[in-house]
Amino acid sequence: MSGSGAGVASAGSRPAWWSATSPQVDADGVPLEVLPVGGRFLDRVNPVTPFLAAVLYSIPLLTTLDVVSAAVALTLSLLAFGVAGVRPMEVLRSSWILLIAAPVSATSMLLYAKPGGASYGQFLYANITDNSIQLAIAVGVRVLAIGVPTLVALSSIDPTRLADGLAQVAHLPARFVVSALAGIRLFAVFRDDWTAMSQARRARGLGDSGAIRRFMTMAFALLALALRRAGTLATVMEARGFGAEDVTRTWARPSRLGWRDLVLVLAAVVIAGAAIGVAVAAGSYRLVGSA
């Protein structure tokens, strides 16, 4: 499969089109062909590392419900992204959905959190109190503090590099990794298929009324098309040896860890630790479940 980065070593002579030349890589093993000119720090880390960093960063912040730790973590994360060369518009483009999710989460906490302190309004099960206001602010900021760095770090990961990293660094089963990569590659085709079906329906005079019925019909057609395409792709991949077992699988692009990966993991741990430390020092640390 073209561009998957994987193949199966076979015995005998190589075909005429076979080339043993590997793509050029930088000092960290990152293929130069996937790097933009003047590639940023995050572009050069191994794609597996941001997932580990996100886990190490998020777990400490999930243990508390206070504004101080969330605000410190969010501020330090944004500063770190600035140092790493991530522009503010890139941060906004990657995490704009959280600007909707954070207020929604805060509103639910504002109305239905455990009452405490003075009450400012009550309706049925909703009760706005001092405690619910504090928790609402803390939850809203925490959604941003955890979500923004995670989305920014993961949004620019190349699927092919991620597959290489999962197989060679995380040592996941190669068959699963290559199959997942093939599926991810097909997501880009869905938009073209949807556009083509919409234009075809309009050409036949079927696209100007019944929005719900039109959506359900096109969704079913897209599902049927996806299943047929998946079956064909699976057959082709099996024919090309991607389903072979008990063989040594080769990879066109090496994937290994470098000093940038260590820096990213340490930065995640330091930011999370600093946020918790400041909250404890300020006396605002609020263990989840104690509120």
C-alpha atoms as a PDB file:
ATOM      1  CA  MET A   1       0.000   0.000   0.000  1.00  0.00           C
ATOM      2  CA  SER A   2       1.521   3.268  -1.048  1.00  0.00           C
ATOM      3  CA  GLY A   3       2.648   5.549   1.741  1.00  0.00           C
ATOM      4  CA  SER A   4       1.862   3.152   4.590  1.00  0.00           C
ATOM      5  CA  GLY A   5       5.500   2.802   5.553  1.00  0.00           C
ATOM      6  CA  ALA A   6       5.253  -0.953   5.967  1.00  0.00           C
ATOM      7  CA  GLY A   7       6.059  -4.013   3.952  1.00  0.00           C
ATOM      8  CA  VAL A   8       6.858  -7.698   4.410  1.00  0.00           C
ATOM      9  CA  ALA A   9      10.296  -9.103   3.797  1.00  0.00           C
ATOM     10  CA  SER A  10      10.078 -11.794   1.161  1.00  0.00           C
ATOM     11  CA  ALA A  11      12.510 -14.335  -0.099  1.00  0.00           C
ATOM     12  CA  GLY A  12      13.887 -14.372  -3.610  1.00  0.00           C
ATOM     13  CA  SER A  13      14.859 -11.581  -5.950  1.00  0.00           C
ATOM     14  CA  ARG A  14      13.318  -8.134  -5.697  1.00  0.00           C
ATOM     15  CA  PRO A  15      11.115  -6.747  -8.480  1.00  0.00           C
ATOM     16  CA  ALA A  16      12.587  -4.253 -10.898  1.00  0.00           C
ATOM     17  CA  TRP A  17      10.800  -1.374  -9.186  1.00  0.00           C
ATOM     18  CA  TRP A  18      12.190  -2.277  -5.775  1.00  0.00           C
ATOM     19  CA  SER A  19      14.524   0.278  -4.217  1.00  0.00           C
ATOM     20  CA  ALA A  20      16.390  -0.312  -0.969  1.00  0.00           C
ATOM     21  CA  THR A  21      17.019   3.407  -0.565  1.00  0.00           C
ATOM     22  CA  SER A  22      15.356   4.714   2.602  1.00  0.00           C
ATOM     23  CA  PRO A  23      13.866   8.208   2.822  1.00  0.00           C
ATOM     24  CA  GLN A  24      16.201  10.884   4.133  1.00  0.00           C
ATOM     25  CA  VAL A  25      15.773  11.528   7.849  1.00  0.00           C
ATOM     26  CA  ASP A  26      17.105  14.089  10.285  1.00  0.00           C
ATOM     27  CA  ALA A  27      19.186  13.386  13.391  1.00  0.00           C
ATOM     28  CA  ASP A  28      16.086  12.254  15.299  1.00  0.00           C
ATOM     29  CA  GLY A  29      14.948   9.844  12.598  1.00  0.00           C
ATOM     30  CA  VAL A  30      12.126  12.096  11.384  1.00  0.00           C
ATOM     31  CA  PRO A  31      11.623  11.812   7.603  1.00  0.00           C
ATOM     32  CA  LEU A  32      12.492  15.121   5.988  1.00  0.00           C
ATOM     33  CA  GLU A  33       9.639  14.677   3.527  1.00  0.00           C
ATOM     34  CA  VAL A  34       7.028  15.180   6.275  1.00  0.00           C
ATOM     35  CA  LEU A  35       8.704  18.179   7.888  1.00  0.00           C
ATOM     36  CA  PRO A  36       7.714  21.723   6.892  1.00  0.00           C
ATOM     37  CA  VAL A  37      10.433  24.220   6.162  1.00  0.00           C
ATOM     38  CA  GLY A  38      11.923  25.233   9.499  1.00  0.00           C
ATOM     39  CA  GLY A  39       9.897  22.539  11.264  1.00  0.00           C
ATOM     40  CA  ARG A  40       8.674  23.361  14.767  1.00  0.00           C
ATOM     41  CA  PHE A  41       9.636  21.527  17.925  1.00  0.00           C
ATOM     42  CA  LEU A  42       6.384  19.539  18.004  1.00  0.00           C
ATOM     43  CA  ASP A  43       6.846  18.473  14.385  1.00  0.00           C
ATOM     44  CA  ARG A  44      10.091  16.722  15.272  1.00  0.00           C
ATOM     45  CA  VAL A  45       9.043  14.729  18.326  1.00  0.00           C
ATOM     46  CA  ASN A  46       8.039  11.111  17.928  1.00  0.00           C
ATOM     47  CA  PRO A  47       4.235  10.942  17.452  1.00  0.00           C
ATOM     48  CA  VAL A  48       3.930   8.499  20.349  1.00  0.00           C
ATOM     49  CA  THR A  49       5.477  10.949  22.819  1.00  0.00           C
ATOM     50  CA  PRO A  50       2.606  13.515  22.885  1.00  0.00           C
ATOM     51  CA  PHE A  51       0.220  10.776  24.010  1.00  0.00           C
ATOM     52  CA  LEU A  52       2.482   9.859  26.924  1.00  0.00           C
ATOM     53  CA  ALA A  53       3.000  13.527  27.761  1.00  0.00           C
ATOM     54  CA  ALA A  54      -0.756  14.150  27.696  1.00  0.00           C
ATOM     55  CA  VAL A  55      -1.370  11.314  30.179  1.00  0.00           C
ATOM     56  CA  LEU A  56       1.379  12.472  32.547  1.00  0.00           C
ATOM     57  CA  TYR A  57       0.099  16.047  32.331  1.00  0.00           C
ATOM     58  CA  SER A  58      -3.600  15.276  32.774  1.00  0.00           C
ATOM     59  CA  ILE A  59      -3.600  12.780  35.659  1.00  0.00           C
ATOM     60  CA  PRO A  60      -2.337  15.203  38.351  1.00  0.00           C
ATOM     61  CA  LEU A  61      -4.766  17.908  37.219  1.00  0.00           C
ATOM     62  CA  LEU A  62      -7.682  15.488  37.410  1.00  0.00           C
ATOM     63  CA  THR A  63      -7.094  14.946  41.119  1.00  0.00           C
ATOM     64  CA  THR A  64      -8.196  18.440  42.139  1.00  0.00           C
ATOM     65  CA  LEU A  65     -11.006  20.932  41.524  1.00  0.00           C
ATOM     66  CA  ASP A  66      -9.523  24.354  42.114  1.00  0.00           C
ATOM     67  CA  VAL A  67      -9.002  27.419  39.969  1.00  0.00           C
ATOM     68  CA  VAL A  68      -5.387  28.056  40.907  1.00  0.00           C
ATOM     69  CA  SER A  69      -3.863  24.809  39.618  1.00  0.00           C
ATOM     70  CA  ALA A  70      -5.898  24.973  36.402  1.00  0.00           C
ATOM     71  CA  ALA A  71      -4.970  28.597  35.739  1.00  0.00           C
ATOM     72  CA  VAL A  72      -1.277  27.957  36.417  1.00  0.00           C
ATOM     73  CA  ALA A  73      -1.232  24.871  34.188  1.00  0.00           C
ATOM     74  CA  LEU A  74      -3.010  26.669  31.343  1.00  0.00           C
ATOM     75  CA  THR A  75      -0.706  29.695  31.555  1.00  0.00           C
ATOM     76  CA  LEU A  76       2.486  27.637  31.646  1.00  0.00           C
ATOM     77  CA  SER A  77       1.272  25.433  28.778  1.00  0.00           C
ATOM     78  CA  LEU A  78       0.536  28.432  26.565  1.00  0.00           C
ATOM     79  CA  LEU A  79       3.955  29.888  27.370  1.00  0.00           C
ATOM     80  CA  ALA A  80       5.588  26.558  26.530  1.00  0.00           C
ATOM     81  CA  PHE A  81       3.773  26.400  23.193  1.00  0.00           C
ATOM     82  CA  GLY A  82       4.946  29.917  22.423  1.00  0.00           C
ATOM     83  CA  VAL A  83       8.544  28.913  23.109  1.00  0.00           C
ATOM     84  CA  ALA A  84       8.049  25.829  20.905  1.00  0.00           C
ATOM     85  CA  GLY A  85       6.983  28.013  17.975  1.00  0.00           C
ATOM     86  CA  VAL A  86       3.220  27.419  18.069  1.00  0.00           C
ATOM     87  CA  ARG A  87       1.388  30.581  17.051  1.00  0.00           C
ATOM     88  CA  PRO A  88      -1.730  31.782  18.938  1.00  0.00           C
ATOM     89  CA  MET A  89      -3.945  31.254  15.887  1.00  0.00           C
ATOM     90  CA  GLU A  90      -2.810  27.632  15.691  1.00  0.00           C
ATOM     91  CA  VAL A  91      -3.771  27.152  19.332  1.00  0.00           C
ATOM     92  CA  LEU A  92      -7.186  28.702  18.683  1.00  0.00           C
ATOM     93  CA  ARG A  93      -7.722  26.668  15.505  1.00  0.00           C
ATOM     94  CA  SER A  94      -6.897  23.420  17.306  1.00  0.00           C
ATOM     95  CA  SER A  95      -8.949  23.983  20.451  1.00  0.00           C
ATOM     96  CA  TRP A  96     -11.851  26.288  19.516  1.00  0.00           C
ATOM     97  CA  ILE A  97     -14.364  23.569  20.367  1.00  0.00           C
ATOM     98  CA  LEU A  98     -13.317  23.863  24.027  1.00  0.00           C
ATOM     99  CA  LEU A  99     -14.595  27.443  24.072  1.00  0.00           C
ATOM    100  CA  ILE A 100     -18.029  25.828  23.764  1.00  0.00           C
ATOM    101  CA  ALA A 101     -17.405  22.779  25.955  1.00  0.00           C
ATOM    102  CA  ALA A 102     -15.959  24.733  28.892  1.00  0.00           C
ATOM    103  CA  PRO A 103     -19.002  27.021  29.453  1.00  0.00           C
ATOM    104  CA  VAL A 104     -21.365  24.054  29.074  1.00  0.00           C
ATOM    105  CA  SER A 105     -19.469  22.075  31.716  1.00  0.00           C
ATOM    106  CA  ALA A 106     -19.292  25.096  33.993  1.00  0.00           C
ATOM    107  CA  THR A 107     -23.033  25.746  33.664  1.00  0.00           C
ATOM    108  CA  SER A 108     -23.980  22.214  34.681  1.00  0.00           C
ATOM    109  CA  MET A 109     -21.702  22.466  37.711  1.00  0.00           C
ATOM    110  CA  LEU A 110     -23.127  25.904  38.560  1.00  0.00           C
ATOM    111  CA  LEU A 111     -26.676  24.557  38.673  1.00  0.00           C
ATOM    112  CA  TYR A 112     -26.260  21.073  40.101  1.00  0.00           C
ATOM    113  CA  ALA A 113     -23.104  21.060  42.253  1.00  0.00           C
ATOM    114  CA  LYS A 114     -23.294  20.296  45.966  1.00  0.00           C
ATOM    115  CA  PRO A 115     -24.821  23.338  47.693  1.00  0.00           C
ATOM    116  CA  GLY A 116     -22.662  25.276  50.120  1.00  0.00           C
ATOM    117  CA  GLY A 117     -22.574  28.817  51.466  1.00  0.00           C
ATOM    118  CA  ALA A 118     -25.062  31.490  50.535  1.00  0.00           C
ATOM    119  CA  SER A 119     -27.773  30.653  48.035  1.00  0.00           C
ATOM    120  CA  TYR A 120     -28.452  33.036  45.156  1.00  0.00           C
ATOM    121  CA  GLY A 121     -31.288  31.223  43.432  1.00  0.00           C
ATOM    122  CA  GLN A 122     -33.064  27.881  43.314  1.00  0.00           C
ATOM    123  CA  PHE A 123     -35.354  26.185  40.826  1.00  0.00           C
ATOM    124  CA  LEU A 124     -36.334  22.528  41.159  1.00  0.00           C
ATOM    125  CA  TYR A 125     -33.020  20.636  41.481  1.00  0.00           C
ATOM    126  CA  ALA A 126     -30.911  23.622  40.413  1.00  0.00           C
ATOM    127  CA  ASN A 127     -29.367  25.622  43.230  1.00  0.00           C
ATOM    128  CA  ILE A 128     -26.789  28.369  42.745  1.00  0.00           C
ATOM    129  CA  THR A 129     -24.611  28.771  45.827  1.00  0.00           C
ATOM    130  CA  ASP A 130     -21.126  29.980  46.720  1.00  0.00           C
ATOM    131  CA  ASN A 131     -19.775  26.440  46.445  1.00  0.00           C
ATOM    132  CA  SER A 132     -21.372  25.797  43.048  1.00  0.00           C
ATOM    133  CA  ILE A 133     -20.015  29.093  41.697  1.00  0.00           C
ATOM    134  CA  GLN A 134     -16.480  28.213  42.797  1.00  0.00           C
ATOM    135  CA  LEU A 135     -16.746  24.725  41.322  1.00  0.00           C
ATOM    136  CA  ALA A 136     -18.207  26.048  38.059  1.00  0.00           C
ATOM    137  CA  ILE A 137     -15.285  28.431  37.567  1.00  0.00           C
ATOM    138  CA  ALA A 138     -12.807  25.695  38.492  1.00  0.00           C
ATOM    139  CA  VAL A 139     -14.346  23.170  36.099  1.00  0.00           C
ATOM    140  CA  GLY A 140     -14.514  25.647  33.212  1.00  0.00           C
ATOM    141  CA  VAL A 141     -10.863  26.628  33.575  1.00  0.00           C
ATOM    142  CA  ARG A 142      -9.845  22.988  34.082  1.00  0.00           C
ATOM    143  CA  VAL A 143     -11.486  21.918  30.824  1.00  0.00           C
ATOM    144  CA  LEU A 144      -9.339  24.501  29.066  1.00  0.00           C
ATOM    145  CA  ALA A 145      -6.223  23.650  31.092  1.00  0.00           C
ATOM    146  CA  ILE A 146      -6.393  19.953  30.184  1.00  0.00           C
ATOM    147  CA  GLY A 147      -7.986  20.143  26.763  1.00  0.00           C
ATOM    148  CA  VAL A 148      -6.083  22.970  25.083  1.00  0.00           C
ATOM    149  CA  PRO A 149      -2.539  21.573  25.531  1.00  0.00           C
ATOM    150  CA  THR A 150      -3.696  18.064  24.655  1.00  0.00           C
ATOM    151  CA  LEU A 151      -5.462  19.087  21.442  1.00  0.00           C
ATOM    152  CA  VAL A 152      -2.636  21.371  20.335  1.00  0.00           C
ATOM    153  CA  ALA A 153      -0.012  18.676  20.923  1.00  0.00           C
ATOM    154  CA  LEU A 154      -1.991  15.972  19.092  1.00  0.00           C
ATOM    155  CA  SER A 155      -3.585  17.961  16.267  1.00  0.00           C
ATOM    156  CA  SER A 156      -0.534  18.124  13.995  1.00  0.00           C
ATOM    157  CA  ILE A 157       0.475  14.462  14.185  1.00  0.00           C
ATOM    158  CA  ASP A 158       0.974  12.826  10.789  1.00  0.00           C
ATOM    159  CA  PRO A 159      -0.956   9.502  10.595  1.00  0.00           C
ATOM    160  CA  THR A 160       1.861   7.692   8.775  1.00  0.00           C
ATOM    161  CA  ARG A 161       4.474   8.780  11.315  1.00  0.00           C
ATOM    162  CA  LEU A 162       2.094   7.797  14.119  1.00  0.00           C
ATOM    163  CA  ALA A 163       1.698   4.326  12.639  1.00  0.00           C
ATOM    164  CA  ASP A 164       5.473   3.981  12.377  1.00  0.00           C
ATOM    165  CA  GLY A 165       5.834   5.058  16.005  1.00  0.00           C
ATOM    166  CA  LEU A 166       3.126   2.763  17.318  1.00  0.00           C
ATOM    167  CA  ALA A 167       4.714  -0.229  15.601  1.00  0.00           C
ATOM    168  CA  GLN A 168       8.392   0.499  16.200  1.00  0.00           C
ATOM    169  CA  VAL A 169       8.350   2.404  19.510  1.00  0.00           C
ATOM    170  CA  ALA A 170       5.170   1.246  21.269  1.00  0.00           C
ATOM    171  CA  HIS A 171       5.550  -2.217  19.680  1.00  0.00           C
ATOM    172  CA  LEU A 172       1.865  -2.638  18.900  1.00  0.00           C
ATOM    173  CA  PRO A 173       0.952  -5.459  16.477  1.00  0.00           C
ATOM    174  CA  ALA A 174       1.959  -4.410  12.984  1.00  0.00           C
ATOM    175  CA  ARG A 175      -1.183  -5.864  11.425  1.00  0.00           C
ATOM    176  CA  PHE A 176      -3.412  -3.744  13.684  1.00  0.00           C
ATOM    177  CA  VAL A 177      -1.331  -0.599  13.109  1.00  0.00           C
ATOM    178  CA  VAL A 178      -1.324  -0.866   9.323  1.00  0.00           C
ATOM    179  CA  SER A 179      -5.054  -1.637   9.228  1.00  0.00           C
ATOM    180  CA  ALA A 180      -5.816   1.378  11.421  1.00  0.00           C
ATOM    181  CA  LEU A 181      -3.656   3.595   9.199  1.00  0.00           C
ATOM    182  CA  ALA A 182      -5.502   2.408   6.112  1.00  0.00           C
ATOM    183  CA  GLY A 183      -8.823   3.209   7.784  1.00  0.00           C
ATOM    184  CA  ILE A 184      -7.675   6.687   8.827  1.00  0.00           C
ATOM    185  CA  ARG A 185      -6.539   7.406   5.280  1.00  0.00           C
ATOM    186  CA  LEU A 186     -10.064   6.688   4.032  1.00  0.00           C
ATOM    187  CA  PHE A 187     -11.625   9.378   6.232  1.00  0.00           C
ATOM    188  CA  ALA A 188     -10.365  12.006   3.819  1.00  0.00           C
ATOM    189  CA  VAL A 189     -12.348  10.339   1.028  1.00  0.00           C
ATOM    190  CA  PHE A 190     -15.687  10.596   2.839  1.00  0.00           C
ATOM    191  CA  ARG A 191     -16.030  14.318   2.226  1.00  0.00           C
ATOM    192  CA  ASP A 192     -15.469  13.856  -1.505  1.00  0.00           C
ATOM    193  CA  ASP A 193     -18.003  11.018  -1.571  1.00  0.00           C
ATOM    194  CA  TRP A 194     -20.576  13.126   0.282  1.00  0.00           C
ATOM    195  CA  THR A 195     -20.053  16.044  -2.099  1.00  0.00           C
ATOM    196  CA  ALA A 196     -20.375  13.790  -5.140  1.00  0.00           C
ATOM    197  CA  MET A 197     -23.607  12.235  -3.845  1.00  0.00           C
ATOM    198  CA  SER A 198     -25.055  15.668  -3.033  1.00  0.00           C
ATOM    199  CA  GLN A 199     -24.309  16.933  -6.538  1.00  0.00           C
ATOM    200  CA  ALA A 200     -25.757  13.770  -8.084  1.00  0.00           C
ATOM    201  CA  ARG A 201     -28.996  14.130  -6.093  1.00  0.00           C
ATOM    202  CA  ARG A 202     -29.303  17.793  -7.060  1.00  0.00           C
ATOM    203  CA  ALA A 203     -28.769  16.911 -10.724  1.00  0.00           C
ATOM    204  CA  ARG A 204     -31.670  14.463 -10.433  1.00  0.00           C
ATOM    205  CA  GLY A 205     -33.860  17.033  -8.652  1.00  0.00           C
ATOM    206  CA  LEU A 206     -33.760  15.235  -5.272  1.00  0.00           C
ATOM    207  CA  GLY A 207     -31.661  17.614  -3.201  1.00  0.00           C
ATOM    208  CA  ASP A 208     -33.912  20.605  -2.477  1.00  0.00           C
ATOM    209  CA  SER A 209     -36.411  19.258   0.058  1.00  0.00           C
ATOM    210  CA  GLY A 210     -36.687  16.857   2.986  1.00  0.00           C
ATOM    211  CA  ALA A 211     -33.402  17.647   4.732  1.00  0.00           C
ATOM    212  CA  ILE A 212     -33.709  14.910   7.382  1.00  0.00           C
ATOM    213  CA  ARG A 213     -34.756  12.243   4.875  1.00  0.00           C
ATOM    214  CA  ARG A 214     -31.995  13.348   2.488  1.00  0.00           C
ATOM    215  CA  PHE A 215     -29.396  13.137   5.250  1.00  0.00           C
ATOM    216  CA  MET A 216     -30.469   9.640   6.331  1.00  0.00           C
ATOM    217  CA  THR A 217     -30.512   8.390   2.741  1.00  0.00           C
ATOM    218  CA  MET A 218     -27.081   9.778   1.963  1.00  0.00           C
ATOM    219  CA  ALA A 219     -25.673   8.519   5.267  1.00  0.00           C
ATOM    220  CA  PHE A 220     -26.848   4.981   4.497  1.00  0.00           C
ATOM    221  CA  ALA A 221     -25.421   5.198   0.976  1.00  0.00           C
ATOM    222  CA  LEU A 222     -22.121   6.451   2.365  1.00  0.00           C
ATOM    223  CA  LEU A 223     -22.055   3.569   4.876  1.00  0.00           C
ATOM    224  CA  ALA A 224     -22.653   1.024   2.123  1.00  0.00           C
ATOM    225  CA  LEU A 225     -19.939   2.610  -0.018  1.00  0.00           C
ATOM    226  CA  ALA A 226     -17.503   2.610   2.921  1.00  0.00           C
ATOM    227  CA  LEU A 227     -18.140  -1.071   3.633  1.00  0.00           C
ATOM    228  CA  ARG A 228     -17.559  -2.028   0.003  1.00  0.00           C
ATOM    229  CA  ARG A 229     -14.386   0.051  -0.127  1.00  0.00           C
ATOM    230  CA  ALA A 230     -13.149  -1.463   3.148  1.00  0.00           C
ATOM    231  CA  GLY A 231     -13.702  -4.983   1.823  1.00  0.00           C
ATOM    232  CA  THR A 232     -11.824  -4.210  -1.373  1.00  0.00           C
ATOM    233  CA  LEU A 233      -8.967  -2.592   0.527  1.00  0.00           C
ATOM    234  CA  ALA A 234      -8.720  -5.542   2.916  1.00  0.00           C
ATOM    235  CA  THR A 235      -8.496  -7.960  -0.015  1.00  0.00           C
ATOM    236  CA  VAL A 236      -5.800  -5.862  -1.710  1.00  0.00           C
ATOM    237  CA  MET A 237      -3.772  -5.557   1.499  1.00  0.00           C
ATOM    238  CA  GLU A 238      -4.018  -9.298   2.101  1.00  0.00           C
ATOM    239  CA  ALA A 239      -2.855  -9.963  -1.451  1.00  0.00           C
ATOM    240  CA  ARG A 240       0.160  -7.704  -0.909  1.00  0.00           C
ATOM    241  CA  GLY A 241       1.218  -9.559   2.231  1.00  0.00           C
ATOM    242  CA  PHE A 242      -0.011  -7.202   4.953  1.00  0.00           C
ATOM    243  CA  GLY A 243      -1.820 -10.045   6.694  1.00  0.00           C
ATOM    244  CA  ALA A 244       1.167 -12.367   6.810  1.00  0.00           C
ATOM    245  CA  GLU A 245       2.190 -13.755  10.185  1.00  0.00           C
ATOM    246  CA  ASP A 246       5.454 -15.113  11.611  1.00  0.00           C
ATOM    247  CA  VAL A 247       7.528 -13.002   9.242  1.00  0.00           C
ATOM    248  CA  THR A 248       9.893 -10.082   9.761  1.00  0.00           C
ATOM    249  CA  ARG A 249       8.097  -6.896   8.812  1.00  0.00           C
ATOM    250  CA  THR A 250      10.143  -4.069   7.345  1.00  0.00           C
ATOM    251  CA  TRP A 251       9.438  -0.353   7.691  1.00  0.00           C
ATOM    252  CA  ALA A 252      10.325   2.282   5.121  1.00  0.00           C
ATOM    253  CA  ARG A 253      10.783   5.000   7.742  1.00  0.00           C
ATOM    254  CA  PRO A 254      12.649   4.511  11.031  1.00  0.00           C
ATOM    255  CA  SER A 255      10.904   5.748  14.164  1.00  0.00           C
ATOM    256  CA  ARG A 256      12.926   6.342  17.291  1.00  0.00           C
ATOM    257  CA  LEU A 257      13.048   8.578  20.319  1.00  0.00           C
ATOM    258  CA  GLY A 258      15.338  11.599  20.683  1.00  0.00           C
ATOM    259  CA  TRP A 259      16.169  14.385  23.078  1.00  0.00           C
ATOM    260  CA  ARG A 260      13.104  16.362  22.018  1.00  0.00           C
ATOM    261  CA  ASP A 261      10.859  13.561  23.252  1.00  0.00           C
ATOM    262  CA  LEU A 262      12.527  13.674  26.666  1.00  0.00           C
ATOM    263  CA  VAL A 263      12.104  17.458  26.792  1.00  0.00           C
ATOM    264  CA  LEU A 264       8.385  17.204  25.975  1.00  0.00           C
ATOM    265  CA  VAL A 265       7.718  14.572  28.649  1.00  0.00           C
ATOM    266  CA  LEU A 266       9.710  16.491  31.264  1.00  0.00           C
ATOM    267  CA  ALA A 267       7.886  19.718  30.372  1.00  0.00           C
ATOM    268  CA  ALA A 268       4.512  18.017  30.852  1.00  0.00           C
ATOM    269  CA  VAL A 269       5.535  16.617  34.237  1.00  0.00           C
ATOM    270  CA  VAL A 270       7.064  19.914  35.399  1.00  0.00           C
ATOM    271  CA  ILE A 271       4.024  21.984  34.383  1.00  0.00           C
ATOM    272  CA  ALA A 272       1.591  19.622  36.084  1.00  0.00           C
ATOM    273  CA  GLY A 273       3.781  19.416  39.188  1.00  0.00           C
ATOM    274  CA  ALA A 274       4.179  23.182  39.339  1.00  0.00           C
ATOM    275  CA  ALA A 275       0.431  23.714  39.037  1.00  0.00           C
ATOM    276  CA  ILE A 276      -0.330  21.287  41.873  1.00  0.00           C
ATOM    277  CA  GLY A 277       2.484  22.735  43.976  1.00  0.00           C
ATOM    278  CA  VAL A 278       1.216  26.298  43.617  1.00  0.00           C
ATOM    279  CA  ALA A 279      -2.328  25.189  44.487  1.00  0.00           C
ATOM    280  CA  VAL A 280      -1.113  23.407  47.627  1.00  0.00           C
ATOM    281  CA  ALA A 281       1.020  26.394  48.649  1.00  0.00           C
ATOM    282  CA  ALA A 282      -1.927  28.742  48.112  1.00  0.00           C
ATOM    283  CA  GLY A 283      -4.218  26.478  50.151  1.00  0.00           C
ATOM    284  CA  SER A 284      -6.678  26.058  47.265  1.00  0.00           C
ATOM    285  CA  TYR A 285      -6.002  22.391  46.481  1.00  0.00           C
ATOM    286  CA  ARG A 286      -9.361  20.636  46.507  1.00  0.00           C
ATOM    287  CA  LEU A 287      -9.229  16.868  46.130  1.00  0.00           C
ATOM    288  CA  VAL A 288     -11.891  15.474  43.821  1.00  0.00           C
ATOM    289  CA  GLY A 289     -14.700  13.927  45.856  1.00  0.00           C
ATOM    290  CA  SER A 290     -14.099  16.085  48.911  1.00  0.00           C
ATOM    291  CA  ALA A 291     -16.232  18.953  47.611  1.00  0.00           C
END
